[in-house]
N, C-alpha and C. Protein backbone atom coordinates (compact mmCIF):
# COMPACT_ATOMS: atom_id res chain seq x y z
N MET A 1 0.86 -1.18 0.00
CA MET A 1 0.00 0.00 0.00
C MET A 1 0.90 1.24 0.00
N ASP A 2 0.67 2.13 -0.95
CA ASP A 2 1.51 3.32 -0.99
C ASP A 2 1.02 4.38 -0.01
N ALA A 3 1.80 5.44 0.14
CA ALA A 3 1.52 6.47 1.15
C ALA A 3 0.17 7.14 0.91
N GLN A 4 -0.19 7.37 -0.35
CA GLN A 4 -1.46 8.04 -0.64
C GLN A 4 -2.64 7.18 -0.20
N ASN A 5 -2.63 5.90 -0.52
CA ASN A 5 -3.72 5.02 -0.12
C ASN A 5 -3.79 4.87 1.39
N LYS A 6 -2.64 4.84 2.05
CA LYS A 6 -2.62 4.70 3.51
C LYS A 6 -3.23 5.94 4.17
N SER A 7 -2.88 7.14 3.68
CA SER A 7 -3.42 8.36 4.28
C SER A 7 -4.91 8.48 3.98
N GLU A 8 -5.33 8.07 2.79
CA GLU A 8 -6.76 8.09 2.46
C GLU A 8 -7.52 7.13 3.36
N LYS A 9 -6.95 5.99 3.65
CA LYS A 9 -7.58 5.00 4.51
C LYS A 9 -7.83 5.57 5.90
N ASN A 10 -6.95 6.43 6.37
CA ASN A 10 -7.11 7.03 7.68
C ASN A 10 -8.10 8.18 7.69
N LEU A 11 -8.41 8.74 6.53
CA LEU A 11 -9.30 9.89 6.46
C LEU A 11 -10.75 9.54 6.17
N PHE A 12 -10.97 8.46 5.45
CA PHE A 12 -12.32 8.13 4.98
C PHE A 12 -12.75 6.75 5.43
N ILE A 13 -14.08 6.58 5.51
CA ILE A 13 -14.67 5.28 5.80
C ILE A 13 -15.63 4.97 4.65
N THR A 14 -15.62 3.72 4.22
CA THR A 14 -16.44 3.29 3.09
C THR A 14 -17.74 2.65 3.58
N ALA A 15 -18.64 2.43 2.64
CA ALA A 15 -19.92 1.80 2.97
C ALA A 15 -19.71 0.39 3.51
N ALA A 16 -18.76 -0.34 2.96
CA ALA A 16 -18.49 -1.69 3.45
C ALA A 16 -18.04 -1.66 4.91
N GLU A 17 -17.21 -0.68 5.26
CA GLU A 17 -16.74 -0.56 6.64
C GLU A 17 -17.85 -0.11 7.58
N VAL A 18 -18.69 0.83 7.12
CA VAL A 18 -19.83 1.27 7.93
C VAL A 18 -20.77 0.09 8.17
N SER A 19 -21.03 -0.68 7.12
CA SER A 19 -21.90 -1.85 7.21
C SER A 19 -21.39 -2.83 8.26
N ALA A 20 -20.10 -3.12 8.22
CA ALA A 20 -19.51 -4.08 9.16
C ALA A 20 -19.51 -3.53 10.59
N LEU A 21 -19.17 -2.27 10.75
CA LEU A 21 -19.10 -1.67 12.09
C LEU A 21 -20.47 -1.58 12.77
N MET A 22 -21.49 -1.23 11.98
CA MET A 22 -22.81 -0.98 12.55
C MET A 22 -23.75 -2.16 12.43
N GLY A 23 -23.35 -3.20 11.71
CA GLY A 23 -24.21 -4.36 11.55
C GLY A 23 -25.45 -4.07 10.73
N VAL A 24 -25.30 -3.24 9.70
CA VAL A 24 -26.42 -2.90 8.82
C VAL A 24 -26.07 -3.34 7.40
N SER A 25 -27.09 -3.34 6.54
CA SER A 25 -26.84 -3.72 5.15
C SER A 25 -25.97 -2.66 4.47
N LYS A 26 -25.36 -3.06 3.38
CA LYS A 26 -24.53 -2.12 2.63
C LYS A 26 -25.38 -0.98 2.06
N ALA A 27 -26.61 -1.30 1.65
CA ALA A 27 -27.51 -0.26 1.13
C ALA A 27 -27.81 0.79 2.21
N TYR A 28 -28.05 0.33 3.42
CA TYR A 28 -28.32 1.28 4.52
C TYR A 28 -27.06 2.07 4.86
N ALA A 29 -25.91 1.43 4.77
CA ALA A 29 -24.64 2.13 5.03
C ALA A 29 -24.46 3.27 4.02
N TYR A 30 -24.83 3.04 2.77
CA TYR A 30 -24.75 4.11 1.77
C TYR A 30 -25.68 5.26 2.12
N ARG A 31 -26.85 4.96 2.67
CA ARG A 31 -27.78 6.04 3.08
C ARG A 31 -27.19 6.84 4.23
N ILE A 32 -26.53 6.17 5.17
CA ILE A 32 -25.87 6.87 6.28
C ILE A 32 -24.78 7.77 5.75
N ILE A 33 -23.96 7.25 4.85
CA ILE A 33 -22.88 8.05 4.26
C ILE A 33 -23.45 9.25 3.51
N LYS A 34 -24.52 9.04 2.77
CA LYS A 34 -25.16 10.15 2.04
C LYS A 34 -25.63 11.23 2.99
N LYS A 35 -26.24 10.85 4.10
CA LYS A 35 -26.71 11.83 5.08
C LYS A 35 -25.53 12.60 5.68
N LEU A 36 -24.49 11.89 6.07
CA LEU A 36 -23.32 12.56 6.64
C LEU A 36 -22.67 13.48 5.61
N ASN A 37 -22.56 13.02 4.37
CA ASN A 37 -21.96 13.86 3.33
C ASN A 37 -22.81 15.08 3.04
N ASP A 38 -24.14 14.95 3.08
CA ASP A 38 -25.02 16.11 2.90
C ASP A 38 -24.79 17.13 4.01
N GLU A 39 -24.63 16.66 5.24
CA GLU A 39 -24.35 17.56 6.36
C GLU A 39 -23.01 18.27 6.16
N LEU A 40 -21.99 17.53 5.76
CA LEU A 40 -20.67 18.12 5.53
C LEU A 40 -20.72 19.12 4.39
N GLU A 41 -21.43 18.78 3.32
CA GLU A 41 -21.52 19.67 2.16
C GLU A 41 -22.22 20.98 2.53
N SER A 42 -23.23 20.89 3.39
CA SER A 42 -23.94 22.10 3.80
C SER A 42 -23.05 23.01 4.66
N LYS A 43 -22.00 22.43 5.23
CA LYS A 43 -21.03 23.20 6.01
C LYS A 43 -19.88 23.71 5.14
N GLY A 44 -19.94 23.41 3.84
CA GLY A 44 -18.94 23.92 2.92
C GLY A 44 -17.79 22.98 2.61
N TYR A 45 -17.86 21.74 3.07
CA TYR A 45 -16.80 20.77 2.80
C TYR A 45 -17.04 20.07 1.47
N LEU A 46 -15.96 19.67 0.83
CA LEU A 46 -16.05 18.82 -0.35
C LEU A 46 -16.24 17.39 0.12
N VAL A 47 -17.03 16.63 -0.60
CA VAL A 47 -17.31 15.25 -0.21
C VAL A 47 -17.03 14.32 -1.38
N ILE A 48 -16.83 13.05 -1.07
CA ILE A 48 -16.62 12.01 -2.06
C ILE A 48 -17.77 11.02 -1.93
N ALA A 49 -18.47 10.78 -3.00
CA ALA A 49 -19.59 9.85 -2.99
C ALA A 49 -19.11 8.46 -2.60
N GLY A 50 -19.86 7.81 -1.72
CA GLY A 50 -19.52 6.45 -1.31
C GLY A 50 -18.54 6.35 -0.17
N LYS A 51 -18.00 7.48 0.26
CA LYS A 51 -17.07 7.54 1.39
C LYS A 51 -17.43 8.77 2.21
N THR A 52 -17.08 8.75 3.47
CA THR A 52 -17.27 9.93 4.29
C THR A 52 -16.08 10.06 5.23
N SER A 53 -15.96 11.23 5.82
CA SER A 53 -14.87 11.49 6.75
C SER A 53 -14.97 10.57 7.96
N LEU A 54 -13.88 9.86 8.24
CA LEU A 54 -13.85 8.97 9.40
C LEU A 54 -14.03 9.77 10.69
N LYS A 55 -13.41 10.93 10.76
CA LYS A 55 -13.53 11.77 11.95
C LYS A 55 -14.99 12.21 12.16
N TYR A 56 -15.65 12.67 11.09
CA TYR A 56 -17.03 13.11 11.21
C TYR A 56 -17.95 11.94 11.53
N PHE A 57 -17.70 10.79 10.93
CA PHE A 57 -18.48 9.59 11.24
C PHE A 57 -18.41 9.28 12.73
N ASN A 58 -17.20 9.28 13.29
CA ASN A 58 -17.03 9.00 14.72
C ASN A 58 -17.74 10.04 15.59
N GLU A 59 -17.68 11.30 15.19
CA GLU A 59 -18.35 12.35 15.96
C GLU A 59 -19.87 12.16 15.96
N ARG A 60 -20.44 11.90 14.78
CA ARG A 60 -21.89 11.82 14.64
C ARG A 60 -22.46 10.49 15.15
N ILE A 61 -21.76 9.41 14.94
CA ILE A 61 -22.30 8.10 15.31
C ILE A 61 -21.96 7.74 16.74
N TYR A 62 -20.74 7.96 17.14
CA TYR A 62 -20.30 7.55 18.46
C TYR A 62 -20.16 8.69 19.44
N GLY A 63 -20.30 9.93 18.98
CA GLY A 63 -20.21 11.08 19.87
C GLY A 63 -18.81 11.36 20.39
N LYS A 64 -17.80 10.93 19.63
CA LYS A 64 -16.43 11.18 20.06
C LYS A 64 -15.62 11.67 18.88
N GLU A 65 -14.53 12.34 19.18
CA GLU A 65 -13.65 12.86 18.12
C GLU A 65 -12.49 11.94 17.89
């Protein structure tokens, strides 16, 4: 794994990872990511479809930074 992929892995969480962590279907994980990305976009952040910020995911889902 090169440096770019490793740093991206630390910044973003994918639908497959959300599905596994939360015990939900992959389709539902995509809906969660869409909601989080919509929130981030409304705050002026750029988002990537199908992935969301790992930091923001942890803040919104688990209430921790």
